[in-house]
Amino acid sequence: MPHRPFLMWPHKGLRTPADPVGEITDDIRAIWDEMITAMEEMPGVGLAAVQLGIPLRLAVVDASNERGRAVRMANPEVLHASIEFRDHEEASPNLPGVSAKISRPRAVTVRFLNEAGEQEDRDFVGLWATSVQHQIDHLNGQMYFDHLSKTKRDMLLRKAKKLKG
């Protein structure tokens, strides 16, 4: 199944907070399916709907080794974050060719609407936690490089611009 193209930085859709999802419908489930296709093609461990130009608070995360275990989330929010941090090299298909080491809480508890339309609280640890937080940033109109110092962020954006030609 084909998917919509990724928005390319600095598209304003990547800086616009996404709209909450009222209920889980077949249309929402179809968007999740499209997002999983896009995530697998990258390949990546998560995707937010806004990355495909869909302004809804939808995310998918699959940090499993075997794949096919995507967690589908609507309106995800972090309820609790561990005080222990974890560093991970993060990147985005919206700004290809560059990445940066970002430090985020190692574990988070996230509340979201699941595929059945029920509110669920779930704990995520390690790469799962990093990916969930990365997707929630996207839904809030933020990019991973917003966590960098101004100097490092400027260097990363200059490098990306140079790669783009």
N, C-alpha and C. Protein backbone atom coordinates (compact mmCIF):
# COMPACT_ATOMS: atom_id res chain seq x y z
N MET A 1 0.85 -1.18 0.00
CA MET A 1 0.00 0.00 0.00
C MET A 1 0.90 1.24 0.00
N PRO A 2 0.73 2.13 -0.96
CA PRO A 2 1.55 3.34 -0.99
C PRO A 2 1.18 4.29 0.16
N HIS A 3 2.07 5.20 0.46
CA HIS A 3 1.78 6.19 1.50
C HIS A 3 2.05 7.59 0.97
N ARG A 4 1.48 8.57 1.64
CA ARG A 4 1.72 9.96 1.28
C ARG A 4 3.20 10.27 1.44
N PRO A 5 3.70 11.26 0.69
CA PRO A 5 5.11 11.63 0.84
C PRO A 5 5.36 12.30 2.20
N PHE A 6 6.58 12.17 2.68
CA PHE A 6 6.97 12.84 3.92
C PHE A 6 7.06 14.34 3.67
N LEU A 7 6.59 15.14 4.62
CA LEU A 7 6.81 16.58 4.53
C LEU A 7 8.30 16.81 4.71
N MET A 8 8.85 17.75 3.98
CA MET A 8 10.28 18.05 4.10
C MET A 8 10.49 19.33 4.91
N TRP A 9 11.44 19.26 5.83
CA TRP A 9 11.81 20.42 6.64
C TRP A 9 12.23 21.54 5.70
N PRO A 10 11.80 22.77 5.88
CA PRO A 10 11.11 23.36 7.02
C PRO A 10 9.60 23.54 6.82
N HIS A 11 8.91 22.58 6.24
CA HIS A 11 7.46 22.69 6.02
C HIS A 11 6.76 23.09 7.33
N LYS A 12 5.83 24.07 7.24
CA LYS A 12 5.19 24.57 8.46
C LYS A 12 4.34 23.51 9.17
N GLY A 13 3.92 22.47 8.44
CA GLY A 13 3.16 21.39 9.07
C GLY A 13 3.96 20.65 10.13
N LEU A 14 5.30 20.74 10.04
CA LEU A 14 6.15 20.09 11.03
C LEU A 14 6.29 20.94 12.30
N ARG A 15 5.84 22.19 12.24
CA ARG A 15 5.91 23.09 13.39
C ARG A 15 4.53 23.41 13.96
N THR A 16 3.50 22.75 13.43
CA THR A 16 2.13 23.01 13.86
C THR A 16 1.65 21.86 14.74
N PRO A 17 1.24 22.15 15.99
CA PRO A 17 0.71 21.08 16.84
C PRO A 17 -0.49 20.40 16.17
N ALA A 18 -0.54 19.09 16.29
CA ALA A 18 -1.61 18.29 15.66
C ALA A 18 -2.91 18.40 16.46
N ASP A 19 -4.01 18.14 15.77
CA ASP A 19 -5.34 18.18 16.40
C ASP A 19 -5.65 16.86 17.09
N PRO A 20 -6.33 16.94 18.25
CA PRO A 20 -6.71 15.70 18.95
C PRO A 20 -7.68 14.87 18.11
N VAL A 21 -7.64 13.57 18.35
CA VAL A 21 -8.55 12.62 17.68
C VAL A 21 -9.74 12.40 18.61
N GLY A 22 -10.96 12.60 18.09
CA GLY A 22 -12.16 12.45 18.90
C GLY A 22 -12.55 11.01 19.17
N GLU A 23 -12.51 10.20 18.10
CA GLU A 23 -12.85 8.78 18.25
C GLU A 23 -12.09 7.96 17.22
N ILE A 24 -11.97 6.68 17.51
CA ILE A 24 -11.26 5.78 16.61
C ILE A 24 -12.26 5.21 15.61
N THR A 25 -12.05 5.55 14.35
CA THR A 25 -12.94 5.12 13.26
C THR A 25 -12.14 4.28 12.27
N ASP A 26 -12.83 3.75 11.28
CA ASP A 26 -12.13 3.00 10.22
C ASP A 26 -11.15 3.91 9.47
N ASP A 27 -11.51 5.20 9.31
CA ASP A 27 -10.60 6.14 8.65
C ASP A 27 -9.31 6.29 9.45
N ILE A 28 -9.42 6.37 10.76
CA ILE A 28 -8.24 6.49 11.63
C ILE A 28 -7.40 5.21 11.52
N ARG A 29 -8.06 4.06 11.53
CA ARG A 29 -7.33 2.79 11.40
C ARG A 29 -6.59 2.71 10.06
N ALA A 30 -7.21 3.24 9.01
CA ALA A 30 -6.56 3.24 7.68
C ALA A 30 -5.33 4.16 7.69
N ILE A 31 -5.42 5.28 8.39
CA ILE A 31 -4.25 6.18 8.50
C ILE A 31 -3.13 5.46 9.25
N TRP A 32 -3.47 4.77 10.34
CA TRP A 32 -2.45 4.01 11.07
C TRP A 32 -1.77 2.98 10.15
N ASP A 33 -2.57 2.28 9.34
CA ASP A 33 -2.01 1.29 8.40
C ASP A 33 -1.03 1.96 7.43
N GLU A 34 -1.42 3.12 6.92
CA GLU A 34 -0.56 3.87 6.00
C GLU A 34 0.73 4.30 6.70
N MET A 35 0.60 4.73 7.95
CA MET A 35 1.77 5.15 8.73
C MET A 35 2.73 3.98 8.97
N ILE A 36 2.20 2.83 9.25
CA ILE A 36 3.04 1.64 9.48
C ILE A 36 3.78 1.28 8.19
N THR A 37 3.11 1.37 7.06
CA THR A 37 3.77 1.13 5.77
C THR A 37 4.93 2.09 5.59
N ALA A 38 4.70 3.37 5.85
CA ALA A 38 5.75 4.39 5.69
C ALA A 38 6.90 4.13 6.67
N MET A 39 6.56 3.77 7.91
CA MET A 39 7.58 3.51 8.93
C MET A 39 8.46 2.33 8.52
N GLU A 40 7.85 1.27 8.00
CA GLU A 40 8.60 0.08 7.59
C GLU A 40 9.48 0.36 6.38
N GLU A 41 9.02 1.22 5.48
CA GLU A 41 9.79 1.53 4.27
C GLU A 41 11.03 2.36 4.59
N MET A 42 11.01 3.13 5.71
CA MET A 42 12.15 4.02 6.01
C MET A 42 13.48 3.27 6.08
N PRO A 43 13.73 2.26 6.84
CA PRO A 43 12.92 1.72 7.93
C PRO A 43 13.16 2.54 9.20
N GLY A 44 12.13 2.58 10.04
CA GLY A 44 12.23 3.33 11.29
C GLY A 44 11.51 2.61 12.41
N VAL A 45 11.56 3.21 13.60
CA VAL A 45 10.93 2.60 14.77
C VAL A 45 9.72 3.38 15.25
N GLY A 46 9.30 4.38 14.49
CA GLY A 46 8.11 5.14 14.86
C GLY A 46 7.79 6.18 13.82
N LEU A 47 6.55 6.67 13.87
CA LEU A 47 6.12 7.70 12.94
C LEU A 47 4.93 8.43 13.53
N ALA A 48 4.90 9.73 13.32
CA ALA A 48 3.76 10.56 13.71
C ALA A 48 3.02 10.97 12.44
N ALA A 49 1.70 11.08 12.52
CA ALA A 49 0.88 11.41 11.34
C ALA A 49 1.31 12.72 10.69
N VAL A 50 1.73 13.69 11.48
CA VAL A 50 2.12 14.99 10.92
C VAL A 50 3.29 14.87 9.95
N GLN A 51 4.11 13.84 10.10
CA GLN A 51 5.25 13.65 9.20
C GLN A 51 4.79 13.37 7.77
N LEU A 52 3.56 12.86 7.64
CA LEU A 52 2.97 12.60 6.32
C LEU A 52 1.97 13.70 5.94
N GLY A 53 1.96 14.78 6.71
CA GLY A 53 1.06 15.89 6.40
C GLY A 53 -0.36 15.68 6.90
N ILE A 54 -0.54 14.76 7.84
CA ILE A 54 -1.87 14.50 8.43
C ILE A 54 -1.88 15.16 9.81
N PRO A 55 -2.64 16.25 9.99
CA PRO A 55 -2.56 17.04 11.22
C PRO A 55 -3.35 16.47 12.40
N LEU A 56 -3.22 15.17 12.64
CA LEU A 56 -3.93 14.51 13.74
C LEU A 56 -2.94 13.92 14.73
N ARG A 57 -3.34 13.85 16.00
CA ARG A 57 -2.47 13.31 17.06
C ARG A 57 -2.48 11.78 17.00
N LEU A 58 -1.82 11.25 15.98
CA LEU A 58 -1.70 9.81 15.77
C LEU A 58 -0.23 9.45 15.67
N ALA A 59 0.14 8.33 16.30
CA ALA A 59 1.51 7.85 16.22
C ALA A 59 1.52 6.33 16.19
N VAL A 60 2.57 5.79 15.60
CA VAL A 60 2.83 4.35 15.64
C VAL A 60 4.28 4.16 16.08
N VAL A 61 4.51 3.12 16.86
CA VAL A 61 5.86 2.80 17.33
C VAL A 61 6.06 1.29 17.25
N ASP A 62 7.20 0.87 16.68
CA ASP A 62 7.56 -0.54 16.67
C ASP A 62 9.08 -0.64 16.79
N ALA A 63 9.54 -0.83 18.01
CA ALA A 63 10.98 -0.97 18.25
C ALA A 63 11.35 -2.43 18.49
N SER A 64 10.48 -3.34 18.07
CA SER A 64 10.75 -4.78 18.25
C SER A 64 11.78 -5.24 17.23
N ASN A 65 12.51 -6.29 17.57
CA ASN A 65 13.50 -6.85 16.64
C ASN A 65 12.83 -7.57 15.48
N GLU A 66 11.71 -8.22 15.77
CA GLU A 66 11.06 -9.03 14.73
C GLU A 66 10.07 -8.24 13.87
N ARG A 67 9.74 -7.03 14.28
CA ARG A 67 8.80 -6.14 13.55
C ARG A 67 7.38 -6.72 13.61
N GLY A 68 6.42 -5.94 13.09
CA GLY A 68 5.04 -6.39 13.08
C GLY A 68 4.36 -6.28 14.45
N ARG A 69 4.94 -5.50 15.37
CA ARG A 69 4.36 -5.33 16.70
C ARG A 69 4.03 -3.87 16.98
N ALA A 70 3.67 -3.15 15.95
CA ALA A 70 3.42 -1.70 16.09
C ALA A 70 2.31 -1.41 17.11
N VAL A 71 2.60 -0.45 17.96
CA VAL A 71 1.60 0.07 18.89
C VAL A 71 0.99 1.29 18.21
N ARG A 72 -0.33 1.28 18.09
CA ARG A 72 -1.07 2.37 17.45
C ARG A 72 -1.63 3.26 18.54
N MET A 73 -1.33 4.55 18.46
CA MET A 73 -1.73 5.48 19.51
C MET A 73 -2.42 6.71 18.94
N ALA A 74 -3.50 7.10 19.61
CA ALA A 74 -4.15 8.38 19.33
C ALA A 74 -4.05 9.21 20.60
N ASN A 75 -3.73 10.48 20.44
CA ASN A 75 -3.62 11.43 21.55
C ASN A 75 -2.64 10.97 22.63
N PRO A 76 -1.46 10.48 22.27
CA PRO A 76 -0.53 10.01 23.30
C PRO A 76 0.00 11.16 24.16
N GLU A 77 0.12 10.90 25.45
CA GLU A 77 0.70 11.88 26.36
C GLU A 77 1.50 11.15 27.43
N VAL A 78 2.63 11.73 27.79
CA VAL A 78 3.48 11.14 28.82
C VAL A 78 2.91 11.49 30.19
N LEU A 79 2.62 10.46 30.98
CA LEU A 79 2.12 10.66 32.34
C LEU A 79 3.27 10.70 33.34
N HIS A 80 4.30 9.90 33.06
CA HIS A 80 5.43 9.80 33.98
C HIS A 80 6.68 9.47 33.18
N ALA A 81 7.79 10.09 33.57
CA ALA A 81 9.07 9.82 32.92
C ALA A 81 10.11 9.49 33.99
N SER A 82 10.98 8.55 33.68
CA SER A 82 12.01 8.15 34.64
C SER A 82 13.03 9.28 34.81
N ILE A 83 13.71 9.28 35.95
CA ILE A 83 14.75 10.28 36.17
C ILE A 83 16.06 9.85 35.50
N GLU A 84 16.14 8.58 35.15
CA GLU A 84 17.32 8.06 34.44
C GLU A 84 17.16 8.36 32.94
N PHE A 85 18.24 8.86 32.34
CA PHE A 85 18.19 9.21 30.92
C PHE A 85 18.94 8.19 30.08
N ARG A 86 18.67 8.21 28.78
CA ARG A 86 19.29 7.31 27.81
C ARG A 86 19.61 8.13 26.57
N ASP A 87 20.81 7.96 26.03
CA ASP A 87 21.21 8.65 24.80
C ASP A 87 20.92 7.74 23.61
N HIS A 88 20.46 8.36 22.52
CA HIS A 88 20.21 7.61 21.29
C HIS A 88 20.40 8.53 20.10
N GLU A 89 20.96 7.99 19.03
CA GLU A 89 21.14 8.74 17.79
C GLU A 89 19.78 8.80 17.09
N GLU A 90 19.22 10.01 17.00
CA GLU A 90 17.89 10.19 16.40
C GLU A 90 17.99 10.87 15.05
N ALA A 91 17.03 10.57 14.19
CA ALA A 91 16.96 11.13 12.85
C ALA A 91 15.49 11.22 12.44
N SER A 92 15.25 11.78 11.26
CA SER A 92 13.88 11.92 10.78
C SER A 92 13.87 11.91 9.25
N PRO A 93 12.88 11.22 8.66
CA PRO A 93 12.77 11.24 7.20
C PRO A 93 12.39 12.63 6.69
N ASN A 94 11.98 13.52 7.59
CA ASN A 94 11.62 14.88 7.20
C ASN A 94 12.85 15.77 7.01
N LEU A 95 13.99 15.29 7.48
CA LEU A 95 15.26 16.01 7.34
C LEU A 95 16.34 14.95 7.08
N PRO A 96 16.36 14.40 5.85
CA PRO A 96 17.24 13.27 5.56
C PRO A 96 18.73 13.61 5.60
N GLY A 97 19.51 12.57 5.92
CA GLY A 97 20.95 12.68 5.83
C GLY A 97 21.66 13.14 7.09
N VAL A 98 20.93 13.55 8.11
CA VAL A 98 21.55 14.01 9.35
C VAL A 98 20.91 13.33 10.55
N SER A 99 21.65 13.32 11.66
CA SER A 99 21.14 12.75 12.90
C SER A 99 21.88 13.41 14.05
N ALA A 100 21.39 13.18 15.26
CA ALA A 100 22.04 13.75 16.44
C ALA A 100 21.76 12.87 17.65
N LYS A 101 22.72 12.84 18.57
CA LYS A 101 22.54 12.09 19.81
C LYS A 101 21.68 12.93 20.75
N ILE A 102 20.53 12.36 21.14
CA ILE A 102 19.58 13.05 22.00
C ILE A 102 19.44 12.25 23.29
N SER A 103 19.36 12.96 24.41
CA SER A 103 19.20 12.32 25.71
C SER A 103 17.75 12.50 26.16
N ARG A 104 17.07 11.38 26.43
CA ARG A 104 15.67 11.42 26.85
C ARG A 104 15.48 10.45 28.03
N PRO A 105 14.37 10.62 28.78
CA PRO A 105 14.10 9.66 29.85
C PRO A 105 14.11 8.22 29.31
N ARG A 106 14.74 7.31 30.08
CA ARG A 106 14.90 5.91 29.67
C ARG A 106 13.57 5.17 29.64
N ALA A 107 12.62 5.58 30.49
CA ALA A 107 11.31 4.91 30.55
C ALA A 107 10.22 5.97 30.72
N VAL A 108 9.07 5.71 30.10
CA VAL A 108 7.92 6.60 30.22
C VAL A 108 6.64 5.78 30.35
N THR A 109 5.66 6.37 31.03
CA THR A 109 4.31 5.82 31.05
C THR A 109 3.48 6.75 30.17
N VAL A 110 2.81 6.17 29.18
CA VAL A 110 2.07 6.95 28.20
C VAL A 110 0.60 6.55 28.22
N ARG A 111 -0.27 7.56 28.18
CA ARG A 111 -1.72 7.34 28.07
C ARG A 111 -2.13 7.69 26.64
N PHE A 112 -2.94 6.82 26.03
CA PHE A 112 -3.39 7.04 24.66
C PHE A 112 -4.67 6.26 24.40
N LEU A 113 -5.34 6.60 23.31
CA LEU A 113 -6.46 5.79 22.84
C LEU A 113 -5.86 4.71 21.94
N ASN A 114 -6.25 3.46 22.19
CA ASN A 114 -5.72 2.36 21.38
C ASN A 114 -6.64 2.08 20.19
N GLU A 115 -6.31 1.05 19.45
CA GLU A 115 -7.05 0.71 18.23
C GLU A 115 -8.53 0.41 18.49
N ALA A 116 -8.84 -0.06 19.69
CA ALA A 116 -10.23 -0.36 20.05
C ALA A 116 -10.97 0.89 20.53
N GLY A 117 -10.26 2.03 20.60
CA GLY A 117 -10.89 3.26 21.06
C GLY A 117 -10.92 3.37 22.58
N GLU A 118 -10.16 2.50 23.26
CA GLU A 118 -10.13 2.51 24.72
C GLU A 118 -8.89 3.25 25.21
N GLN A 119 -9.05 3.95 26.34
CA GLN A 119 -7.90 4.61 26.94
C GLN A 119 -6.98 3.55 27.53
N GLU A 120 -5.70 3.68 27.25
CA GLU A 120 -4.72 2.71 27.73
C GLU A 120 -3.52 3.45 28.30
N ASP A 121 -3.01 2.96 29.41
CA ASP A 121 -1.76 3.46 29.98
C ASP A 121 -0.74 2.34 29.80
N ARG A 122 0.41 2.66 29.20
CA ARG A 122 1.41 1.64 28.93
C ARG A 122 2.80 2.18 29.24
N ASP A 123 3.63 1.30 29.78
CA ASP A 123 5.03 1.64 30.05
C ASP A 123 5.88 1.28 28.85
N PHE A 124 6.78 2.19 28.49
CA PHE A 124 7.73 1.96 27.40
C PHE A 124 9.13 2.17 27.97
N VAL A 125 10.06 1.31 27.57
CA VAL A 125 11.44 1.38 28.08
C VAL A 125 12.42 1.32 26.92
N GLY A 126 13.57 1.96 27.09
CA GLY A 126 14.64 1.88 26.10
C GLY A 126 14.26 2.54 24.78
N LEU A 127 14.54 1.84 23.67
CA LEU A 127 14.27 2.39 22.35
C LEU A 127 12.78 2.68 22.16
N TRP A 128 11.90 1.84 22.74
CA TRP A 128 10.45 2.10 22.67
C TRP A 128 10.14 3.47 23.28
N ALA A 129 10.72 3.75 24.46
CA ALA A 129 10.46 5.02 25.15
C ALA A 129 11.00 6.20 24.34
N THR A 130 12.20 6.03 23.80
CA THR A 130 12.79 7.09 22.98
C THR A 130 11.89 7.41 21.79
N SER A 131 11.43 6.36 21.11
CA SER A 131 10.59 6.57 19.92
C SER A 131 9.26 7.22 20.26
N VAL A 132 8.62 6.77 21.34
CA VAL A 132 7.33 7.37 21.73
C VAL A 132 7.52 8.87 22.00
N GLN A 133 8.58 9.22 22.73
CA GLN A 133 8.82 10.63 23.04
C GLN A 133 9.11 11.44 21.77
N HIS A 134 9.86 10.84 20.85
CA HIS A 134 10.18 11.48 19.56
C HIS A 134 8.88 11.77 18.79
N GLN A 135 7.95 10.79 18.78
CA GLN A 135 6.68 10.97 18.05
C GLN A 135 5.81 12.04 18.72
N ILE A 136 5.77 12.03 20.05
CA ILE A 136 4.97 13.05 20.76
C ILE A 136 5.53 14.44 20.47
N ASP A 137 6.86 14.56 20.39
CA ASP A 137 7.44 15.85 19.99
C ASP A 137 6.88 16.29 18.64
N HIS A 138 6.88 15.38 17.66
CA HIS A 138 6.33 15.71 16.34
C HIS A 138 4.88 16.20 16.45
N LEU A 139 4.09 15.52 17.27
CA LEU A 139 2.67 15.90 17.41
C LEU A 139 2.52 17.27 18.07
N ASN A 140 3.55 17.70 18.79
CA ASN A 140 3.53 19.02 19.43
C ASN A 140 4.22 20.09 18.58
N GLY A 141 4.57 19.74 17.34
CA GLY A 141 5.21 20.71 16.45
C GLY A 141 6.69 20.88 16.71
N GLN A 142 7.32 19.86 17.30
CA GLN A 142 8.75 19.93 17.60
C GLN A 142 9.51 18.86 16.82
N MET A 143 10.80 19.12 16.62
CA MET A 143 11.69 18.16 15.96
C MET A 143 12.75 17.73 16.97
N TYR A 144 13.36 16.58 16.72
CA TYR A 144 14.37 16.07 17.67
C TYR A 144 15.50 17.06 17.90
N PHE A 145 15.87 17.82 16.87
CA PHE A 145 17.00 18.74 17.01
C PHE A 145 16.68 19.95 17.89
N ASP A 146 15.40 20.12 18.26
CA ASP A 146 15.04 21.18 19.20
C ASP A 146 15.63 20.91 20.58
N HIS A 147 16.05 19.66 20.83
CA HIS A 147 16.66 19.29 22.11
C HIS A 147 18.16 19.62 22.15
N LEU A 148 18.71 20.07 21.02
CA LEU A 148 20.13 20.39 20.95
C LEU A 148 20.38 21.85 21.34
N SER A 149 21.63 22.16 21.66
CA SER A 149 22.00 23.56 21.89
C SER A 149 21.84 24.30 20.56
N LYS A 150 21.74 25.62 20.62
CA LYS A 150 21.58 26.41 19.40
C LYS A 150 22.73 26.16 18.43
N THR A 151 23.95 26.10 18.94
CA THR A 151 25.12 25.88 18.09
C THR A 151 25.04 24.54 17.37
N LYS A 152 24.73 23.46 18.11
CA LYS A 152 24.64 22.13 17.49
C LYS A 152 23.48 22.06 16.51
N ARG A 153 22.35 22.68 16.87
CA ARG A 153 21.18 22.68 15.98
C ARG A 153 21.51 23.41 14.68
N ASP A 154 22.15 24.57 14.78
CA ASP A 154 22.51 25.34 13.58
C ASP A 154 23.46 24.55 12.69
N MET A 155 24.43 23.86 13.30
CA MET A 155 25.38 23.03 12.52
C MET A 155 24.64 21.91 11.79
N LEU A 156 23.71 21.25 12.49
CA LEU A 156 22.96 20.15 11.90
C LEU A 156 22.12 20.65 10.72
N LEU A 157 21.44 21.77 10.89
CA LEU A 157 20.58 22.31 9.82
C LEU A 157 21.42 22.79 8.62
N ARG A 158 22.59 23.35 8.88
CA ARG A 158 23.48 23.75 7.78
C ARG A 158 23.94 22.51 6.99
N LYS A 159 24.28 21.45 7.72
CA LYS A 159 24.72 20.21 7.07
C LYS A 159 23.58 19.64 6.21
N ALA A 160 22.36 19.63 6.74
CA ALA A 160 21.20 19.10 6.00
C ALA A 160 20.96 19.94 4.74
N LYS A 161 21.09 21.25 4.86
CA LYS A 161 20.88 22.14 3.71
C LYS A 161 21.93 21.87 2.63
N LYS A 162 23.18 21.66 3.06
CA LYS A 162 24.27 21.38 2.14
C LYS A 162 24.04 20.05 1.40
N LEU A 163 23.55 19.04 2.13
CA LEU A 163 23.27 17.74 1.52
C LEU A 163 22.16 17.83 0.49
N LYS A 164 21.19 18.71 0.77
CA LYS A 164 20.04 18.89 -0.11
C LYS A 164 20.47 19.55 -1.42
N GLY A 165 21.55 20.33 -1.35
CA GLY A 165 22.08 20.99 -2.54
C GLY A 165 21.49 22.31 -2.72
